[in-house]
Amino acid sequence: AHKFRADGQGQETEIPIDEWVDVAVFGEETDDSPEEGRVLFLEKRRVSAAEGVIEMVVDEEPQRVGIDPFNKLIDRNPGNNLVRVSEADG
């Protein structure tokens, strides 16, 4: 996770992160689930470092995991907030 501050001209500077952010685990998609899949876990967690480990236990096979998966925070690149579990476990 990274946090940036932009000036009036759009120039971004990385700043320390210390935010409460939604962290989620999604299962298989169903007809009534969001496009990310059925929510298996959703909780605000404190993120205070660019890299770290967040552990969650779910009752079903996870398909995707993400930080700020519903894009509540201002983000110029929201496409990198969610990854398939196969991409995340390496």
PDB file of N, CA and C in Angstrom:
ATOM      1  N   ALA A   1       0.844  -1.179   0.000  1.00  0.00           N
ATOM      2  CA  ALA A   1       0.000   0.000   0.000  1.00  0.00           C
ATOM      3  C   ALA A   1       0.889   1.241   0.000  1.00  0.00           C
ATOM      4  N   HIS A   2       0.467   2.232  -0.731  1.00  0.00           N
ATOM      5  CA  HIS A   2       1.200   3.497  -0.807  1.00  0.00           C
ATOM      6  C   HIS A   2       0.195   4.638  -0.710  1.00  0.00           C
ATOM      7  N   LYS A   3       0.663   5.755  -0.207  1.00  0.00           N
ATOM      8  CA  LYS A   3      -0.173   6.949  -0.126  1.00  0.00           C
ATOM      9  C   LYS A   3       0.600   8.091  -0.760  1.00  0.00           C
ATOM     10  N   PHE A   4      -0.095   8.869  -1.583  1.00  0.00           N
ATOM     11  CA  PHE A   4       0.531   9.988  -2.270  1.00  0.00           C
ATOM     12  C   PHE A   4      -0.273  11.252  -2.018  1.00  0.00           C
ATOM     13  N   ARG A   5       0.387  12.355  -2.030  1.00  0.00           N
ATOM     14  CA  ARG A   5      -0.259  13.658  -1.960  1.00  0.00           C
ATOM     15  C   ARG A   5       0.074  14.377  -3.265  1.00  0.00           C
ATOM     16  N   ALA A   6      -0.954  14.979  -3.886  1.00  0.00           N
ATOM     17  CA  ALA A   6      -0.759  15.698  -5.145  1.00  0.00           C
ATOM     18  C   ALA A   6      -0.827  17.197  -4.884  1.00  0.00           C
ATOM     19  N   ASP A   7       0.042  17.937  -5.564  1.00  0.00           N
ATOM     20  CA  ASP A   7      -0.012  19.393  -5.446  1.00  0.00           C
ATOM     21  C   ASP A   7      -0.995  19.945  -6.484  1.00  0.00           C
ATOM     22  N   GLY A   8      -1.106  21.244  -6.586  1.00  0.00           N
ATOM     23  CA  GLY A   8      -2.047  21.885  -7.491  1.00  0.00           C
ATOM     24  C   GLY A   8      -1.826  21.571  -8.956  1.00  0.00           C
ATOM     25  N   GLN A   9      -0.620  21.135  -9.323  1.00  0.00           N
ATOM     26  CA  GLN A   9      -0.314  20.791 -10.710  1.00  0.00           C
ATOM     27  C   GLN A   9      -0.423  19.285 -10.955  1.00  0.00           C
ATOM     28  N   GLY A  10      -0.819  18.524  -9.937  1.00  0.00           N
ATOM     29  CA  GLY A  10      -0.961  17.082 -10.095  1.00  0.00           C
ATOM     30  C   GLY A  10       0.311  16.296  -9.830  1.00  0.00           C
ATOM     31  N   GLN A  11       1.370  16.970  -9.421  1.00  0.00           N
ATOM     32  CA  GLN A  11       2.630  16.286  -9.091  1.00  0.00           C
ATOM     33  C   GLN A  11       2.439  15.514  -7.785  1.00  0.00           C
ATOM     34  N   GLU A  12       2.697  14.215  -7.822  1.00  0.00           N
ATOM     35  CA  GLU A  12       2.498  13.373  -6.643  1.00  0.00           C
ATOM     36  C   GLU A  12       3.799  13.149  -5.887  1.00  0.00           C
ATOM     37  N   THR A  13       3.669  13.144  -4.551  1.00  0.00           N
ATOM     38  CA  THR A  13       4.786  12.845  -3.661  1.00  0.00           C
ATOM     39  C   THR A  13       4.318  11.773  -2.692  1.00  0.00           C
ATOM     40  N   GLU A  14       5.103  10.703  -2.541  1.00  0.00           N
ATOM     41  CA  GLU A  14       4.721   9.650  -1.606  1.00  0.00           C
ATOM     42  C   GLU A  14       4.884  10.154  -0.177  1.00  0.00           C
ATOM     43  N   ILE A  15       3.890   9.846   0.657  1.00  0.00           N
ATOM     44  CA  ILE A  15       3.922  10.225   2.067  1.00  0.00           C
ATOM     45  C   ILE A  15       3.666   8.964   2.906  1.00  0.00           C
ATOM     46  N   PRO A  16       4.037   8.979   4.181  1.00  0.00           N
ATOM     47  CA  PRO A  16       3.810   7.792   5.019  1.00  0.00           C
ATOM     48  C   PRO A  16       2.329   7.449   5.097  1.00  0.00           C
ATOM     49  N   ILE A  17       2.052   6.165   5.121  1.00  0.00           N
ATOM     50  CA  ILE A  17       0.669   5.713   5.212  1.00  0.00           C
ATOM     51  C   ILE A  17       0.371   5.295   6.650  1.00  0.00           C
ATOM     52  N   ASP A  18      -0.780   5.674   7.125  1.00  0.00           N
ATOM     53  CA  ASP A  18      -1.296   5.244   8.420  1.00  0.00           C
ATOM     54  C   ASP A  18      -2.804   5.454   8.364  1.00  0.00           C
ATOM     55  N   GLU A  19      -3.487   4.504   7.738  1.00  0.00           N
ATOM     56  CA  GLU A  19      -4.912   4.640   7.448  1.00  0.00           C
ATOM     57  C   GLU A  19      -5.666   3.372   7.843  1.00  0.00           C
ATOM     58  N   TRP A  20      -6.926   3.530   8.187  1.00  0.00           N
ATOM     59  CA  TRP A  20      -7.834   2.407   8.335  1.00  0.00           C
ATOM     60  C   TRP A  20      -8.471   2.183   6.970  1.00  0.00           C
ATOM     61  N   VAL A  21      -8.292   0.988   6.416  1.00  0.00           N
ATOM     62  CA  VAL A  21      -8.699   0.696   5.047  1.00  0.00           C
ATOM     63  C   VAL A  21      -9.501  -0.608   5.033  1.00  0.00           C
ATOM     64  N   ASP A  22     -10.519  -0.674   4.174  1.00  0.00           N
ATOM     65  CA  ASP A  22     -11.257  -1.920   4.001  1.00  0.00           C
ATOM     66  C   ASP A  22     -10.347  -2.978   3.399  1.00  0.00           C
ATOM     67  N   VAL A  23     -10.371  -4.168   3.996  1.00  0.00           N
ATOM     68  CA  VAL A  23      -9.657  -5.330   3.481  1.00  0.00           C
ATOM     69  C   VAL A  23     -10.713  -6.394   3.246  1.00  0.00           C
ATOM     70  N   ALA A  24     -10.662  -7.065   2.096  1.00  0.00           N
ATOM     71  CA  ALA A  24     -11.729  -8.002   1.763  1.00  0.00           C
ATOM     72  C   ALA A  24     -11.201  -9.264   1.113  1.00  0.00           C
ATOM     73  N   VAL A  25     -11.979 -10.327   1.293  1.00  0.00           N
ATOM     74  CA  VAL A  25     -11.761 -11.598   0.614  1.00  0.00           C
ATOM     75  C   VAL A  25     -13.072 -11.934  -0.089  1.00  0.00           C
ATOM     76  N   PHE A  26     -12.974 -12.326  -1.350  1.00  0.00           N
ATOM     77  CA  PHE A  26     -14.154 -12.641  -2.151  1.00  0.00           C
ATOM     78  C   PHE A  26     -14.100 -14.085  -2.618  1.00  0.00           C
ATOM     79  N   GLY A  27     -15.277 -14.714  -2.662  1.00  0.00           N
ATOM     80  CA  GLY A  27     -15.404 -16.071  -3.173  1.00  0.00           C
ATOM     81  C   GLY A  27     -15.915 -16.048  -4.599  1.00  0.00           C
ATOM     82  N   GLU A  28     -16.536 -17.155  -4.976  1.00  0.00           N
ATOM     83  CA  GLU A  28     -17.096 -17.272  -6.326  1.00  0.00           C
ATOM     84  C   GLU A  28     -18.174 -16.225  -6.564  1.00  0.00           C
ATOM     85  N   GLU A  29     -18.300 -15.812  -7.814  1.00  0.00           N
ATOM     86  CA  GLU A  29     -19.376 -14.891  -8.184  1.00  0.00           C
ATOM     87  C   GLU A  29     -20.704 -15.628  -8.158  1.00  0.00           C
ATOM     88  N   THR A  30     -21.752 -14.934  -7.726  1.00  0.00           N
ATOM     89  CA  THR A  30     -23.115 -15.461  -7.783  1.00  0.00           C
ATOM     90  C   THR A  30     -23.987 -14.413  -8.449  1.00  0.00           C
ATOM     91  N   ASP A  31     -25.225 -14.762  -8.726  1.00  0.00           N
ATOM     92  CA  ASP A  31     -26.127 -13.822  -9.396  1.00  0.00           C
ATOM     93  C   ASP A  31     -26.358 -12.552  -8.584  1.00  0.00           C
ATOM     94  N   ASP A  32     -26.326 -12.659  -7.249  1.00  0.00           N
ATOM     95  CA  ASP A  32     -26.620 -11.490  -6.418  1.00  0.00           C
ATOM     96  C   ASP A  32     -25.383 -10.915  -5.725  1.00  0.00           C
ATOM     97  N   SER A  33     -24.193 -11.342  -6.131  1.00  0.00           N
ATOM     98  CA  SER A  33     -22.965 -10.818  -5.522  1.00  0.00           C
ATOM     99  C   SER A  33     -22.452  -9.626  -6.314  1.00  0.00           C
ATOM    100  N   PRO A  34     -21.591  -8.808  -5.679  1.00  0.00           N
ATOM    101  CA  PRO A  34     -20.935  -7.756  -6.462  1.00  0.00           C
ATOM    102  C   PRO A  34     -20.044  -8.391  -7.527  1.00  0.00           C
ATOM    103  N   GLU A  35     -19.610  -7.622  -8.492  1.00  0.00           N
ATOM    104  CA  GLU A  35     -18.806  -8.179  -9.586  1.00  0.00           C
ATOM    105  C   GLU A  35     -17.499  -8.798  -9.100  1.00  0.00           C
ATOM    106  N   GLU A  36     -17.023  -8.406  -7.928  1.00  0.00           N
ATOM    107  CA  GLU A  36     -15.791  -8.964  -7.370  1.00  0.00           C
ATOM    108  C   GLU A  36     -15.984 -10.400  -6.896  1.00  0.00           C
ATOM    109  N   GLY A  37     -17.216 -10.781  -6.627  1.00  0.00           N
ATOM    110  CA  GLY A  37     -17.534 -12.098  -6.094  1.00  0.00           C
ATOM    111  C   GLY A  37     -18.275 -11.953  -4.782  1.00  0.00           C
ATOM    112  N   ARG A  38     -18.662 -13.079  -4.201  1.00  0.00           N
ATOM    113  CA  ARG A  38     -19.382 -13.056  -2.926  1.00  0.00           C
ATOM    114  C   ARG A  38     -18.419 -12.675  -1.819  1.00  0.00           C
ATOM    115  N   VAL A  39     -18.820 -11.730  -0.979  1.00  0.00           N
ATOM    116  CA  VAL A  39     -17.961 -11.246   0.102  1.00  0.00           C
ATOM    117  C   VAL A  39     -17.871 -12.325   1.180  1.00  0.00           C
ATOM    118  N   LEU A  40     -16.630 -12.801   1.420  1.00  0.00           N
ATOM    119  CA  LEU A  40     -16.380 -13.776   2.480  1.00  0.00           C
ATOM    120  C   LEU A  40     -15.849 -13.103   3.734  1.00  0.00           C
ATOM    121  N   PHE A  41     -15.202 -11.959   3.557  1.00  0.00           N
ATOM    122  CA  PHE A  41     -14.607 -11.220   4.677  1.00  0.00           C
ATOM    123  C   PHE A  41     -14.495  -9.770   4.268  1.00  0.00           C
ATOM    124  N   LEU A  42     -14.904  -8.863   5.133  1.00  0.00           N
ATOM    125  CA  LEU A  42     -14.757  -7.429   4.887  1.00  0.00           C
ATOM    126  C   LEU A  42     -14.602  -6.761   6.243  1.00  0.00           C
ATOM    127  N   GLU A  43     -13.470  -6.092   6.429  1.00  0.00           N
ATOM    128  CA  GLU A  43     -13.182  -5.465   7.719  1.00  0.00           C
ATOM    129  C   GLU A  43     -12.194  -4.331   7.508  1.00  0.00           C
ATOM    130  N   LYS A  44     -12.322  -3.300   8.307  1.00  0.00           N
ATOM    131  CA  LYS A  44     -11.332  -2.222   8.279  1.00  0.00           C
ATOM    132  C   LYS A  44     -10.109  -2.681   9.062  1.00  0.00           C
ATOM    133  N   ARG A  45      -8.945  -2.492   8.477  1.00  0.00           N
ATOM    134  CA  ARG A  45      -7.683  -2.823   9.128  1.00  0.00           C
ATOM    135  C   ARG A  45      -6.756  -1.617   9.022  1.00  0.00           C
ATOM    136  N   ARG A  46      -5.910  -1.444  10.008  1.00  0.00           N
ATOM    137  CA  ARG A  46      -4.946  -0.344   9.987  1.00  0.00           C
ATOM    138  C   ARG A  46      -3.760  -0.741   9.116  1.00  0.00           C
ATOM    139  N   VAL A  47      -3.479   0.092   8.132  1.00  0.00           N
ATOM    140  CA  VAL A  47      -2.336  -0.110   7.242  1.00  0.00           C
ATOM    141  C   VAL A  47      -1.352   1.004   7.531  1.00  0.00           C
ATOM    142  N   SER A  48      -0.170   0.630   8.019  1.00  0.00           N
ATOM    143  CA  SER A  48       0.806   1.648   8.409  1.00  0.00           C
ATOM    144  C   SER A  48       2.185   1.395   7.808  1.00  0.00           C
ATOM    145  N   ALA A  49       2.241   0.527   6.810  1.00  0.00           N
ATOM    146  CA  ALA A  49       3.504   0.256   6.120  1.00  0.00           C
ATOM    147  C   ALA A  49       3.200  -0.093   4.674  1.00  0.00           C
ATOM    148  N   ALA A  50       4.154   0.166   3.801  1.00  0.00           N
ATOM    149  CA  ALA A  50       3.959  -0.116   2.383  1.00  0.00           C
ATOM    150  C   ALA A  50       3.798  -1.615   2.134  1.00  0.00           C
ATOM    151  N   GLU A  51       4.495  -2.436   2.903  1.00  0.00           N
ATOM    152  CA  GLU A  51       4.395  -3.880   2.756  1.00  0.00           C
ATOM    153  C   GLU A  51       4.065  -4.496   4.097  1.00  0.00           C
ATOM    154  N   GLY A  52       3.332  -5.573   4.069  1.00  0.00           N
ATOM    155  CA  GLY A  52       2.968  -6.251   5.301  1.00  0.00           C
ATOM    156  C   GLY A  52       2.136  -7.476   4.996  1.00  0.00           C
ATOM    157  N   VAL A  53       1.762  -8.169   6.037  1.00  0.00           N
ATOM    158  CA  VAL A  53       0.959  -9.378   5.912  1.00  0.00           C
ATOM    159  C   VAL A  53      -0.327  -9.172   6.700  1.00  0.00           C
ATOM    160  N   ILE A  54      -1.427  -9.488   6.066  1.00  0.00           N
ATOM    161  CA  ILE A  54      -2.731  -9.452   6.720  1.00  0.00           C
ATOM    162  C   ILE A  54      -3.293 -10.861   6.616  1.00  0.00           C
ATOM    163  N   GLU A  55      -3.622 -11.455   7.749  1.00  0.00           N
ATOM    164  CA  GLU A  55      -4.156 -12.814   7.750  1.00  0.00           C
ATOM    165  C   GLU A  55      -5.637 -12.788   8.085  1.00  0.00           C
ATOM    166  N   MET A  56      -6.411 -13.585   7.332  1.00  0.00           N
ATOM    167  CA  MET A  56      -7.835 -13.730   7.553  1.00  0.00           C
ATOM    168  C   MET A  56      -8.192 -15.193   7.389  1.00  0.00           C
ATOM    169  N   VAL A  57      -9.215 -15.633   8.092  1.00  0.00           N
ATOM    170  CA  VAL A  57      -9.710 -16.997   7.959  1.00  0.00           C
ATOM    171  C   VAL A  57     -11.122 -16.921   7.401  1.00  0.00           C
ATOM    172  N   VAL A  58     -11.363 -17.679   6.332  1.00  0.00           N
ATOM    173  CA  VAL A  58     -12.688 -17.705   5.719  1.00  0.00           C
ATOM    174  C   VAL A  58     -13.168 -19.147   5.612  1.00  0.00           C
ATOM    175  N   ASP A  59     -14.474 -19.317   5.478  1.00  0.00           N
ATOM    176  CA  ASP A  59     -15.079 -20.648   5.451  1.00  0.00           C
ATOM    177  C   ASP A  59     -15.127 -21.285   4.070  1.00  0.00           C
ATOM    178  N   GLU A  60     -14.799 -20.535   3.033  1.00  0.00           N
ATOM    179  CA  GLU A  60     -14.850 -21.050   1.670  1.00  0.00           C
ATOM    180  C   GLU A  60     -13.561 -20.727   0.934  1.00  0.00           C
ATOM    181  N   GLU A  61     -13.398 -21.350  -0.215  1.00  0.00           N
ATOM    182  CA  GLU A  61     -12.218 -21.127  -1.039  1.00  0.00           C
ATOM    183  C   GLU A  61     -12.194 -19.675  -1.532  1.00  0.00           C
ATOM    184  N   PRO A  62     -11.187 -18.896  -1.187  1.00  0.00           N
ATOM    185  CA  PRO A  62     -11.119 -17.509  -1.667  1.00  0.00           C
ATOM    186  C   PRO A  62     -10.706 -17.457  -3.133  1.00  0.00           C
ATOM    187  N   GLN A  63     -11.262 -16.485  -3.839  1.00  0.00           N
ATOM    188  CA  GLN A  63     -10.931 -16.285  -5.249  1.00  0.00           C
ATOM    189  C   GLN A  63     -10.128 -15.000  -5.463  1.00  0.00           C
ATOM    190  N   ARG A  64     -10.521 -13.932  -4.751  1.00  0.00           N
ATOM    191  CA  ARG A  64      -9.853 -12.633  -4.887  1.00  0.00           C
ATOM    192  C   ARG A  64      -9.675 -12.037  -3.498  1.00  0.00           C
ATOM    193  N   VAL A  65      -8.636 -11.210  -3.360  1.00  0.00           N
ATOM    194  CA  VAL A  65      -8.404 -10.463  -2.124  1.00  0.00           C
ATOM    195  C   VAL A  65      -8.101  -9.027  -2.511  1.00  0.00           C
ATOM    196  N   GLY A  66      -8.382  -8.091  -1.590  1.00  0.00           N
ATOM    197  CA  GLY A  66      -8.120  -6.713  -1.946  1.00  0.00           C
ATOM    198  C   GLY A  66      -8.079  -5.769  -0.772  1.00  0.00           C
ATOM    199  N   ILE A  67      -7.436  -4.648  -1.021  1.00  0.00           N
ATOM    200  CA  ILE A  67      -7.391  -3.526  -0.090  1.00  0.00           C
ATOM    201  C   ILE A  67      -8.176  -2.403  -0.750  1.00  0.00           C
ATOM    202  N   ASP A  68      -9.129  -1.833  -0.017  1.00  0.00           N
ATOM    203  CA  ASP A  68     -10.038  -0.815  -0.545  1.00  0.00           C
ATOM    204  C   ASP A  68     -10.709  -1.312  -1.838  1.00  0.00           C
ATOM    205  N   PRO A  69     -11.324  -2.497  -1.786  1.00  0.00           N
ATOM    206  CA  PRO A  69     -11.854  -3.096  -3.014  1.00  0.00           C
ATOM    207  C   PRO A  69     -13.032  -2.351  -3.627  1.00  0.00           C
ATOM    208  N   PHE A  70     -13.751  -1.567  -2.833  1.00  0.00           N
ATOM    209  CA  PHE A  70     -14.893  -0.819  -3.361  1.00  0.00           C
ATOM    210  C   PHE A  70     -14.537   0.637  -3.632  1.00  0.00           C
ATOM    211  N   ASN A  71     -13.235   0.939  -3.631  1.00  0.00           N
ATOM    212  CA  ASN A  71     -12.704   2.249  -4.016  1.00  0.00           C
ATOM    213  C   ASN A  71     -13.345   3.406  -3.256  1.00  0.00           C
ATOM    214  N   LYS A  72     -13.350   3.311  -1.947  1.00  0.00           N
ATOM    215  CA  LYS A  72     -13.853   4.393  -1.103  1.00  0.00           C
ATOM    216  C   LYS A  72     -12.843   5.525  -0.985  1.00  0.00           C
ATOM    217  N   LEU A  73     -11.567   5.210  -1.142  1.00  0.00           N
ATOM    218  CA  LEU A  73     -10.517   6.222  -1.060  1.00  0.00           C
ATOM    219  C   LEU A  73     -10.220   6.771  -2.448  1.00  0.00           C
ATOM    220  N   ILE A  74      -9.735   7.980  -2.512  1.00  0.00           N
ATOM    221  CA  ILE A  74      -9.340   8.562  -3.794  1.00  0.00           C
ATOM    222  C   ILE A  74      -8.145   7.776  -4.308  1.00  0.00           C
ATOM    223  N   ASP A  75      -8.240   7.309  -5.548  1.00  0.00           N
ATOM    224  CA  ASP A  75      -7.218   6.416  -6.088  1.00  0.00           C
ATOM    225  C   ASP A  75      -7.128   6.611  -7.590  1.00  0.00           C
ATOM    226  N   ARG A  76      -5.955   6.966  -8.070  1.00  0.00           N
ATOM    227  CA  ARG A  76      -5.785   7.160  -9.519  1.00  0.00           C
ATOM    228  C   ARG A  76      -5.626   5.854 -10.266  1.00  0.00           C
ATOM    229  N   ASN A  77      -5.368   4.746  -9.543  1.00  0.00           N
ATOM    230  CA  ASN A  77      -5.191   3.454 -10.180  1.00  0.00           C
ATOM    231  C   ASN A  77      -5.962   2.394  -9.388  1.00  0.00           C
ATOM    232  N   PRO A  78      -7.297   2.440  -9.400  1.00  0.00           N
ATOM    233  CA  PRO A  78      -8.074   1.496  -8.596  1.00  0.00           C
ATOM    234  C   PRO A  78      -8.000   0.058  -9.090  1.00  0.00           C
ATOM    235  N   GLY A  79      -7.511  -0.154 -10.290  1.00  0.00           N
ATOM    236  CA  GLY A  79      -7.430  -1.501 -10.849  1.00  0.00           C
ATOM    237  C   GLY A  79      -6.445  -2.415 -10.143  1.00  0.00           C
ATOM    238  N   ASN A  80      -5.559  -1.851  -9.317  1.00  0.00           N
ATOM    239  CA  ASN A  80      -4.578  -2.697  -8.637  1.00  0.00           C
ATOM    240  C   ASN A  80      -4.971  -2.999  -7.191  1.00  0.00           C
ATOM    241  N   ASN A  81      -6.187  -2.696  -6.798  1.00  0.00           N
ATOM    242  CA  ASN A  81      -6.629  -2.914  -5.424  1.00  0.00           C
ATOM    243  C   ASN A  81      -7.089  -4.340  -5.169  1.00  0.00           C
ATOM    244  N   LEU A  82      -7.343  -5.089  -6.204  1.00  0.00           N
ATOM    245  CA  LEU A  82      -7.900  -6.430  -6.092  1.00  0.00           C
ATOM    246  C   LEU A  82      -7.087  -7.384  -6.941  1.00  0.00           C
ATOM    247  N   VAL A  83      -6.714  -8.541  -6.374  1.00  0.00           N
ATOM    248  CA  VAL A  83      -5.943  -9.538  -7.140  1.00  0.00           C
ATOM    249  C   VAL A  83      -6.542 -10.920  -6.907  1.00  0.00           C
ATOM    250  N   ARG A  84      -6.319 -11.796  -7.860  1.00  0.00           N
ATOM    251  CA  ARG A  84      -6.712 -13.206  -7.694  1.00  0.00           C
ATOM    252  C   ARG A  84      -5.824 -13.829  -6.635  1.00  0.00           C
ATOM    253  N   VAL A  85      -6.346 -14.757  -5.892  1.00  0.00           N
ATOM    254  CA  VAL A  85      -5.585 -15.400  -4.821  1.00  0.00           C
ATOM    255  C   VAL A  85      -4.333 -16.057  -5.379  1.00  0.00           C
ATOM    256  N   SER A  86      -4.389 -16.663  -6.541  1.00  0.00           N
ATOM    257  CA  SER A  86      -3.213 -17.300  -7.135  1.00  0.00           C
ATOM    258  C   SER A  86      -2.092 -16.292  -7.368  1.00  0.00           C
ATOM    259  N   GLU A  87      -2.421 -15.017  -7.619  1.00  0.00           N
ATOM    260  CA  GLU A  87      -1.420 -13.969  -7.805  1.00  0.00           C
ATOM    261  C   GLU A  87      -0.896 -13.473  -6.460  1.00  0.00           C
ATOM    262  N   ALA A  88      -1.705 -13.590  -5.417  1.00  0.00           N
ATOM    263  CA  ALA A  88      -1.367 -13.013  -4.122  1.00  0.00           C
ATOM    264  C   ALA A  88      -0.533 -13.939  -3.249  1.00  0.00           C
ATOM    265  N   ASP A  89      -0.579 -15.265  -3.472  1.00  0.00           N
ATOM    266  CA  ASP A  89       0.097 -16.147  -2.540  1.00  0.00           C
ATOM    267  C   ASP A  89       1.560 -16.347  -2.827  1.00  0.00           C
ATOM    268  N   GLY A  90       2.142 -15.675  -3.764  1.00  0.00           N
ATOM    269  CA  GLY A  90       3.551 -15.868  -4.074  1.00  0.00           C
ATOM    270  C   GLY A  90       4.379 -14.878  -3.398  1.00  0.00           C
TER     271      GLY A  90
END
